[in-house]
């Protein structure tokens, strides 16, 4: 699977721009990155519908309740608690719901967050990519730059150069193929949550077919450490 990569240390700082970035990025890159952010907003809406289905409550009422919960992990805890009660007699469905919630947490942190919270940069040597600078790196060095400056105006004038230096040092390259992979992951998660809402509404759709479709849309659950084969240990036992 394609992964983000570090910007080459040989990238000249003259090739980096942090102003008017979107207008310089390739349209396909901008559209794909925007699709990632937009799809995660849709996923959150689908969880609202799913929670309404679980609790047999009006979706507008549930939306008002979840809107008051800002932290993503807290939202997950609310839905997980409701599912634990509503699906007490359906342990397999509860496990499937928890699996989707775990994936939402992971994807929110590893997929959506950089696009939504990191600093977008344009790099001429990476024309089909989006380069992201983690905000923690930019903030840390800008604070240090302000501390070294003679006055506020001097700090403001020197900050863009510091930012560009930080991009060269800490920039992460998201090639178009990586962004499209993230779009696919987000769309699969959205479809999985949508199908779970259908499953929990007790509709006429065949439940087993829905469950199989949901499983196919979600990544395989991680293998617990306790169940992994200890090859070296097996060899030691065989030698006794």
Foldseek 3Di string as FASTA:
>chain_A
DDDWAADDLPADLVQKDQPPAVVQADPLQVVLLVLLQVLLVLLVLLLLLLLCLLVVHDSVVSVVVVVVVDDLVVSLVVSLVSLCVSCVVPVVLSVLSVLLSVVSVVCVVPPNCQSVQWRWMGGNVQRQKTKTQRPVQLVVVLVVLCVPAPDDVRSVVCSVVSVSVSCSVGIIIQGSVNSNVSSLLSVLSSVLSNLSSVLSNPDPPPNVVSVVSSVVSGDDDDDDPVPDDDVVVVVVVVVD
